[in-house]
Protein backbone atom coordinates (compact mmCIF):
# COMPACT_ATOMS: atom_id res chain seq x y z
CA MET A 1 6.18 -1.01 44.53
CA ARG A 2 7.79 2.04 46.11
CA HIS A 3 10.34 4.25 44.51
CA GLY A 4 13.98 3.74 45.49
CA LEU A 5 16.88 1.44 44.85
CA VAL A 6 15.39 -1.72 43.43
CA ALA A 7 16.92 -4.88 42.04
CA LEU A 8 15.43 -8.17 41.01
CA ALA A 9 17.25 -11.40 41.80
CA LEU A 10 16.26 -14.79 40.51
CA LEU A 11 18.10 -17.55 42.29
CA PRO A 12 20.40 -19.01 41.26
CA VAL A 13 21.06 -16.14 38.85
CA LEU A 14 22.10 -12.50 38.70
CA GLN A 15 20.31 -9.46 40.11
CA LEU A 16 18.74 -7.20 37.50
CA PRO A 17 18.40 -3.43 37.85
CA ALA A 18 14.78 -2.36 37.66
CA GLN A 19 15.50 0.23 34.99
CA ALA A 20 16.92 -2.47 32.73
CA VAL A 21 13.80 -4.55 33.21
CA ALA A 22 11.58 -1.54 32.46
CA ALA A 23 13.52 -0.71 29.31
CA ARG A 24 13.01 -4.20 27.90
CA ALA A 25 9.39 -4.24 28.99
CA ASP A 26 8.72 -1.25 26.70
CA ALA A 27 9.07 -3.48 23.63
CA PRO A 28 5.58 -4.35 22.35
CA PRO A 29 4.66 -7.84 23.60
CA ALA A 30 3.28 -10.55 21.38
CA PRO A 31 -0.50 -10.82 21.50
CA PRO A 32 -2.39 -13.90 22.66
CA LYS A 33 -4.72 -15.77 20.36
CA ASP A 34 -7.70 -13.74 21.52
CA TRP A 35 -7.41 -10.31 23.20
CA GLY A 36 -11.21 -10.30 23.37
CA GLU A 37 -11.28 -13.29 25.72
CA VAL A 38 -8.44 -11.79 27.75
CA ALA A 39 -10.33 -8.51 28.14
CA ARG A 40 -13.50 -10.39 29.08
CA VAL A 41 -11.77 -12.19 31.94
CA VAL A 42 -9.98 -9.06 33.18
CA VAL A 43 -13.30 -7.22 33.40
CA GLU A 44 -15.01 -10.29 34.85
CA ARG A 45 -12.49 -10.30 37.73
CA MET A 46 -13.52 -6.67 38.55
CA GLN A 47 -17.10 -7.78 39.33
CA LEU A 48 -18.25 -4.28 38.38
CA LEU A 49 -21.28 -2.83 40.09
CA ALA A 50 -23.67 -0.61 38.13
CA GLY A 51 -22.22 2.85 37.73
CA GLU A 52 -18.67 2.06 38.85
CA ARG A 53 -16.28 4.40 37.08
CA VAL A 54 -13.36 2.82 35.18
CA VAL A 55 -10.22 4.43 33.72
CA LEU A 56 -7.64 2.69 31.53
CA VAL A 57 -3.97 3.73 31.73
CA VAL A 58 -2.42 2.88 28.38
CA VAL A 59 0.76 3.27 26.36
CA PRO A 60 -0.10 3.92 22.71
CA GLY A 61 1.64 1.45 20.45
CA VAL A 62 1.76 -1.27 23.12
CA ALA A 63 -1.13 -3.76 22.94
CA ASP A 64 -3.46 -1.38 21.09
CA ASP A 65 -5.79 -4.24 20.16
CA LEU A 66 -6.19 -5.05 23.85
CA VAL A 67 -7.13 -1.43 24.55
CA GLU A 68 -9.90 -1.65 21.96
CA GLU A 69 -11.21 -4.87 23.49
CA MET A 70 -11.05 -3.42 27.01
CA LEU A 71 -13.08 -0.39 25.94
CA ARG A 72 -15.82 -2.73 24.73
CA ALA A 73 -15.56 -5.16 27.66
CA VAL A 74 -15.93 -2.46 30.32
CA ARG A 75 -19.07 -1.14 28.65
CA ARG A 76 -20.50 -4.64 28.41
CA GLY A 77 -19.50 -5.35 32.02
CA GLY A 78 -21.84 -2.73 33.45
CA GLY A 79 -19.27 -0.12 34.42
CA GLU A 80 -19.07 3.50 33.36
CA LEU A 81 -16.07 3.95 31.11
CA VAL A 82 -14.71 7.37 32.06
CA GLY A 83 -11.96 7.19 29.44
CA LEU A 84 -8.29 6.44 29.09
CA ILE A 85 -5.08 8.20 30.04
CA PRO A 86 -1.92 7.80 27.97
CA ALA A 87 0.79 6.96 30.49
CA ARG A 88 3.25 8.82 28.29
CA GLY A 89 2.80 11.01 25.26
CA ILE A 90 -0.37 11.80 23.34
CA ALA A 91 -3.28 9.46 22.66
CA PRO A 92 -4.05 8.69 19.01
CA GLN A 93 -7.08 10.42 17.56
CA LYS A 94 -9.29 7.29 17.76
CA TRP A 95 -9.00 7.27 21.56
CA ARG A 96 -9.20 10.99 22.19
CA SER A 97 -12.02 12.35 24.33
CA ASP A 98 -12.59 15.30 26.64
CA PHE A 99 -11.26 13.15 29.49
CA THR A 100 -8.13 12.22 27.56
CA ARG A 101 -7.43 15.83 26.68
CA LEU A 102 -7.96 16.76 30.33
CA THR A 103 -5.50 14.17 31.65
CA GLU A 104 -2.75 13.55 29.11
CA GLN A 105 0.71 14.82 30.06
CA LYS A 106 -0.57 16.16 33.37
CA PRO A 107 1.55 15.91 36.56
CA ARG A 108 0.63 13.57 39.39
CA GLN A 109 -0.96 16.20 41.65
CA GLN A 110 -3.41 17.34 38.99
CA LEU A 111 -4.27 13.74 38.16
CA ILE A 112 -4.97 12.96 41.81
CA GLU A 113 -7.71 15.60 41.85
CA ILE A 114 -9.17 14.41 38.52
CA LEU A 115 -9.18 10.73 39.55
CA ARG A 116 -10.63 11.05 43.06
CA ASN A 117 -14.03 9.71 42.04
CA VAL A 118 -12.75 6.84 39.90
CA ASP A 119 -13.48 3.34 41.24
CA VAL A 120 -11.19 1.18 39.10
CA GLY A 121 -7.92 2.01 37.36
CA VAL A 122 -6.50 -0.53 34.92
CA MET A 123 -2.75 -0.46 34.25
CA LEU A 124 -2.40 -1.95 30.77
CA PRO A 125 0.86 -3.18 29.17
CA GLY A 126 3.65 -0.60 29.14
CA ALA A 127 2.47 1.48 32.13
CA THR A 128 5.06 1.66 34.91
CA VAL A 129 5.34 3.01 38.44
CA GLY A 130 7.19 6.08 37.17
CA ASP A 131 4.23 7.27 35.10
CA PRO A 132 2.20 10.11 36.66
CA ALA A 133 -1.16 8.36 36.26
CA TYR A 134 0.16 5.14 37.83
CA ASP A 135 1.65 7.16 40.68
CA ALA A 136 -1.57 9.12 41.18
CA PHE A 137 -3.59 5.93 41.54
CA GLN A 138 -1.13 4.61 44.13
CA TRP A 139 -1.56 7.82 46.14
CA LEU A 140 -5.34 7.36 46.06
CA LEU A 141 -5.13 3.67 47.03
CA GLN A 142 -3.27 4.67 50.17
CA ARG A 143 -6.21 6.94 51.10
CA PRO A 144 -9.34 5.05 50.00
CA ALA A 145 -11.70 6.84 52.43
CA GLY A 146 -13.82 3.71 52.84
CA ARG A 147 -14.48 3.31 49.13
CA GLY A 148 -13.82 0.16 47.16
CA VAL A 149 -11.28 1.85 44.91
CA ARG A 150 -8.76 -0.54 43.36
CA THR A 151 -6.41 -0.99 40.42
CA ILE A 152 -5.83 -3.91 38.08
CA HIS A 153 -2.20 -4.49 37.08
CA PHE A 154 -2.19 -6.25 33.73
CA HIS A 155 1.44 -5.89 32.66
CA TRP A 156 1.68 -8.79 30.15
CA ALA A 157 5.41 -8.83 31.00
CA GLY A 158 7.66 -10.22 33.75
CA ALA A 159 9.12 -13.26 31.97
CA TYR A 160 12.69 -14.35 32.80
CA SER A 161 15.04 -16.98 31.55
CA ILE A 162 16.33 -19.45 34.13
CA ASP A 163 19.73 -17.71 34.02
CA GLY A 164 18.06 -14.46 35.05
CA GLU A 165 17.75 -12.41 31.88
CA PRO A 166 14.44 -10.69 31.06
CA ILE A 167 12.92 -12.33 28.01
CA PRO A 168 10.38 -10.82 25.63
CA VAL A 169 6.76 -11.86 25.63
CA ASP A 170 6.98 -13.86 22.41
CA PRO A 171 4.08 -15.92 21.04
CA ASP A 172 4.93 -18.89 23.28
CA VAL A 173 4.98 -16.73 26.42
CA ALA A 174 1.79 -14.96 25.31
CA GLU A 175 0.04 -18.31 24.89
CA PHE A 176 1.30 -19.42 28.33
CA TYR A 177 0.01 -16.22 29.97
CA GLU A 178 -3.32 -16.44 28.14
CA ARG A 179 -3.84 -19.98 29.42
CA ALA A 180 -2.95 -18.93 32.97
CA LEU A 181 -5.40 -16.03 32.89
CA LEU A 182 -8.28 -17.90 31.28
CA ASP A 183 -7.88 -21.34 32.87
CA THR A 184 -6.83 -20.59 36.45
CA ASP A 185 -9.26 -22.09 38.95
CA TYR A 186 -9.64 -18.90 40.95
CA GLU A 187 -11.65 -20.55 43.72
CA ALA A 188 -8.99 -23.23 44.19
CA LEU A 189 -6.21 -20.61 44.11
CA ALA A 190 -7.98 -18.54 46.75
CA ASP A 191 -8.49 -21.65 48.89
CA SER A 192 -4.80 -22.61 48.74
CA GLN A 193 -3.81 -19.07 49.69
CA ARG A 194 -6.22 -19.00 52.62
CA ARG A 195 -4.89 -22.34 53.86
CA PHE A 196 -1.29 -21.15 53.63
CA GLU A 197 -2.15 -17.92 55.42
CA SER A 198 -3.92 -19.88 58.15
CA ALA A 199 -0.88 -22.10 58.61
CA MET A 200 1.45 -19.10 58.87
CA ARG A 201 -0.78 -17.52 61.51
CA LYS A 202 -0.28 -20.54 63.77
CA ALA A 203 3.41 -21.40 63.44
CA PRO A 204 6.84 -20.07 62.47
CA VAL A 205 7.92 -20.12 58.81
CA ARG A 206 11.33 -21.48 57.80
CA VAL A 207 12.91 -20.99 54.36
CA THR A 208 16.03 -22.87 53.28
CA THR A 209 17.92 -23.22 50.00
CA PRO A 210 20.74 -25.45 48.74
CA ALA A 211 23.00 -22.37 48.62
CA GLY A 212 22.75 -21.94 52.38
CA THR A 213 19.74 -19.76 53.13
CA ASP A 214 18.17 -20.67 56.48
CA ILE A 215 15.82 -18.04 57.83
CA THR A 216 12.79 -18.15 60.12
CA PHE A 217 10.07 -15.67 61.04
CA ARG A 218 6.54 -15.27 62.36
CA ILE A 219 3.71 -13.19 60.89
CA GLY A 220 1.37 -12.93 63.89
CA ASN A 221 -1.50 -10.63 62.95
CA ARG A 222 0.33 -8.94 60.09
CA VAL A 223 -1.61 -8.16 56.92
CA VAL A 224 -1.37 -10.95 54.35
CA THR A 225 -2.06 -9.91 50.76
CA ARG A 226 -3.58 -12.71 48.70
CA GLN A 227 -3.19 -12.10 44.97
CA ASP A 228 -6.00 -14.47 44.04
CA GLY A 229 -7.48 -12.44 41.19
CA ASP A 230 -10.42 -11.01 43.18
CA ALA A 231 -10.72 -7.39 42.00
CA SER A 232 -14.21 -6.74 43.35
CA GLN A 233 -15.32 -3.65 45.22
CA GLY A 234 -16.12 -5.74 48.28
CA ARG A 235 -12.61 -7.20 48.41
CA ALA A 236 -11.08 -3.73 47.98
CA ARG A 237 -13.16 -2.40 50.88
CA GLU A 238 -11.61 -5.08 53.08
CA GLY A 239 -8.10 -4.10 52.02
CA ARG A 240 -5.82 -2.77 54.73
CA THR A 241 -2.77 -1.81 52.68
CA LEU A 242 -1.87 -0.32 49.30
CA ILE A 243 -1.06 -3.67 47.73
CA ASP A 244 -4.32 -5.18 49.01
CA ARG A 245 -5.97 -2.85 46.49
CA GLU A 246 -3.55 -3.53 43.62
CA VAL A 247 -4.76 -6.70 41.92
CA GLU A 248 -2.31 -8.53 39.66
CA LEU A 249 -3.50 -10.53 36.68
CA PRO A 250 -2.45 -13.24 36.08
CA ALA A 251 -2.82 -14.01 39.79
CA GLY A 252 -0.86 -16.21 42.14
CA ALA A 253 1.33 -14.77 44.90
CA ILE A 254 0.76 -14.41 48.63
CA ARG A 255 2.75 -11.61 50.31
CA VAL A 256 3.47 -10.55 53.89
CA ALA A 257 5.82 -8.37 55.89
CA PRO A 258 6.73 -10.61 58.86
CA ILE A 259 7.03 -9.28 62.38
CA GLU A 260 10.40 -7.61 61.99
CA GLU A 261 11.78 -8.68 65.37
CA SER A 262 10.98 -12.34 64.62
CA VAL A 263 13.27 -12.62 61.57
CA GLU A 264 16.36 -14.70 62.39
CA GLY A 265 18.92 -16.55 60.29
CA LYS A 266 20.76 -16.01 57.03
CA ILE A 267 20.10 -15.47 53.33
CA ALA A 268 22.57 -16.74 50.72
CA PHE A 269 22.23 -14.45 47.71
CA PRO A 270 23.06 -15.20 44.09
CA ASP A 271 26.17 -13.79 42.52
CA GLY A 272 25.21 -10.36 41.26
CA VAL A 273 25.76 -6.62 41.36
CA TRP A 274 25.61 -4.56 44.54
CA GLY A 275 26.57 -0.91 44.57
CA GLY A 276 27.74 -1.21 40.97
CA VAL A 277 30.21 -3.97 41.90
CA SER A 278 30.11 -7.64 40.94
CA VAL A 279 29.62 -9.67 44.13
CA ARG A 280 30.05 -13.40 44.67
CA GLY A 281 29.24 -15.66 47.62
CA LEU A 282 27.20 -13.09 49.56
CA VAL A 283 25.55 -14.31 52.77
CA MET A 284 23.70 -11.90 55.08
CA TYR A 285 22.98 -12.74 58.70
CA PHE A 286 19.86 -11.43 60.45
CA ALA A 287 18.89 -10.93 64.09
CA ARG A 288 15.54 -9.39 65.01
CA GLY A 289 14.97 -8.47 61.38
CA ARG A 290 18.21 -6.55 60.95
CA VAL A 291 21.40 -7.40 59.08
CA THR A 292 24.07 -7.91 61.73
CA HIS A 293 26.90 -8.74 59.38
CA PHE A 294 27.64 -10.36 56.05
CA THR A 295 30.31 -12.34 54.27
CA ALA A 296 31.25 -12.35 50.59
CA THR A 297 33.96 -14.13 48.63
CA SER A 298 34.40 -11.06 46.42
CA GLY A 299 32.91 -7.57 45.98
CA ARG A 300 32.42 -6.77 49.64
CA ASP A 301 32.96 -3.04 48.99
CA GLY A 302 29.99 -2.97 46.62
CA VAL A 303 27.69 -4.42 49.26
CA GLU A 304 28.90 -1.87 51.79
CA GLN A 305 28.26 0.93 49.31
CA GLU A 306 24.72 -0.19 48.54
CA LEU A 307 23.81 -0.71 52.18
CA ALA A 308 25.23 2.69 53.11
CA ALA A 309 23.33 4.40 50.29
CA GLY A 310 20.10 2.60 51.21
CA GLY A 311 20.21 3.60 54.87
CA ASP A 312 18.54 1.65 57.65
CA ALA A 313 15.96 0.16 55.26
CA ALA A 314 18.70 -1.60 53.29
CA ARG A 315 19.72 -3.50 56.41
CA SER A 316 16.14 -4.58 57.19
CA PHE A 317 14.14 -7.62 56.12
CA ARG A 318 11.16 -6.49 54.05
CA GLU A 319 8.93 -9.26 52.75
CA PHE A 320 8.21 -12.92 52.24
CA ALA A 321 6.21 -13.92 49.17
CA LEU A 322 5.27 -17.29 47.72
CA GLY A 323 3.78 -18.09 44.32
CA LEU A 324 0.89 -20.56 44.43
CA ASN A 325 -0.55 -20.63 40.91
CA PRO A 326 0.24 -23.99 39.26
CA LEU A 327 -0.46 -22.54 35.80
CA LEU A 328 2.38 -20.02 36.30
CA ALA A 329 4.89 -22.57 37.61
CA ILE A 330 8.29 -22.90 35.98
CA PRO A 331 7.90 -25.51 33.22
CA THR A 332 9.33 -28.88 34.32
CA SER A 333 10.20 -29.99 30.79
CA GLY A 334 11.23 -28.43 27.51
CA HIS A 335 12.26 -24.79 27.62
CA ARG A 336 12.40 -23.74 31.28
CA TRP A 337 11.76 -20.09 32.21
CA ILE A 338 10.26 -18.09 35.06
CA PRO A 339 6.75 -16.78 34.33
CA TYR A 340 5.18 -13.55 35.57
CA TYR A 341 7.48 -12.16 38.24
CA GLY A 342 7.64 -15.49 40.06
CA TYR A 343 3.90 -15.79 40.75
CA GLY A 344 4.02 -19.46 39.85
CA ALA A 345 3.71 -22.27 42.36
CA GLY A 346 6.89 -22.79 44.39
CA VAL A 347 8.75 -19.52 43.69
CA VAL A 348 9.82 -17.61 46.83
CA ARG A 349 10.70 -13.97 47.35
CA LEU A 350 12.80 -12.74 50.27
CA SER A 351 13.28 -8.99 50.07
CA LEU A 352 15.05 -6.14 51.82
CA GLY A 353 13.87 -2.60 52.52
CA ASP A 354 10.84 -0.41 53.11
CA ASN A 355 7.73 -2.50 53.76
CA ARG A 356 5.10 0.08 54.69
CA GLU A 357 3.03 -0.74 51.58
CA LEU A 358 2.73 -4.25 53.08
CA GLY A 359 1.77 -3.04 56.53
CA GLY A 360 5.27 -3.31 58.01
CA LYS A 361 7.31 -0.87 60.09
CA VAL A 362 10.46 -0.42 57.98
CA LYS A 363 10.74 3.06 56.49
CA GLY A 364 13.09 4.28 53.81
CA ALA A 365 13.66 4.69 50.08
CA TYR A 366 15.21 1.30 49.41
CA VAL A 367 13.70 -1.95 48.15
CA ARG A 368 15.54 -5.00 46.80
CA TRP A 369 13.60 -8.01 45.57
CA ASN A 370 15.26 -11.44 45.55
CA PHE A 371 13.56 -14.45 43.94
CA PHE A 372 14.45 -18.04 44.84
CA THR A 373 13.47 -20.87 42.51
CA ASP A 374 14.88 -23.74 44.60
CA ALA A 375 13.68 -22.96 48.12
CA THR A 376 12.11 -25.25 50.69
CA VAL A 377 9.36 -23.68 52.82
CA GLU A 378 8.26 -25.22 56.11
CA VAL A 379 5.49 -23.94 58.38
CA GLY A 380 5.46 -25.42 61.85
CA GLY A 381 7.44 -28.40 60.52
CA ASP A 382 5.04 -29.07 57.61
CA VAL A 383 6.70 -28.82 54.19
CA TRP A 384 4.71 -26.68 51.74
CA VAL A 385 7.47 -26.28 49.13
CA ARG A 386 10.45 -28.58 48.58
CA ASP A 387 13.31 -27.47 46.34
CA GLY A 388 11.01 -25.08 44.47
CA MET A 389 8.17 -27.57 43.99
CA MET A 390 4.85 -27.34 45.81
CA GLY A 391 4.43 -30.17 48.29
CA ARG A 392 0.86 -29.53 49.47
């Protein structure tokens, strides 16, 4: 994710400032039943080749037991464990090495030079895009020079209540995530993503919601990122964009920047905060991928302020994403909540702003994510999602 103005919106709930999400994510998450099994699967998804160099980016005090298991799992998996970098602060004595001393508290530019020959970077719980090591890896992923360099994003975070508030990773959420990671049928997930990509290549996509969203677009030959859990060197070599080389675990979403000029229609946003102002009844209208005008029942000035501050990117459609992992779907009974950043089956993202990391043409320093839990998605008239539930 690029730097800039970012908000998360979970329909039909409020937008959440990214800094608020990050602040809550710093709280140590509950562990699963077995960090050892979790580490085994994370390393298994890397499909390490002999001699591949691996670096862990860690936050001391957050999931320390996982760090210990990852150190062992990488060694067992056939890779060369270069060491770990504390995303912030100083590493505890038990993790200190020459590499750690060389890298801790160093600025991004120095880390870029140190990490040039690393094959795999693993962002463990607590690491965020604002950390120098995280940022350095993103710089390198944008310039892979034909190598199979990639990163694993294992945040163990991203849980939301249905009314839009970030919720901690408590033991129930940890157990849910552990099951999703260990029990996902990765071949079936990859197949469903390939089929959906194939359908989008052939026909227009239409997204509607009960609140009034009705937007269509085409993807043509645009890059489609399939977050199917494949973190192998071979897959990374095929990657065409930054996010093709950033592998999320648990896995599930498919992402694309549509052909900008093909985006037509309207998006009905949830009540939320724009430009520091509470906004209700916001509907934006798009022609050729650009916001032509908008209506709001209240807070119009806040929307104007945010769009003005965000520049041209703020008035541009960025991205369509769809979650396809059934094991990350919103529970249909009992306590209902939104798992892992909406990677579950049936959750849609329609976003505004810079989309270069996705292979798009929109440039700027603005990104706003908007999640929809009740969308219907049609491709060429075939319904793939109906009211937030997978139909195929």
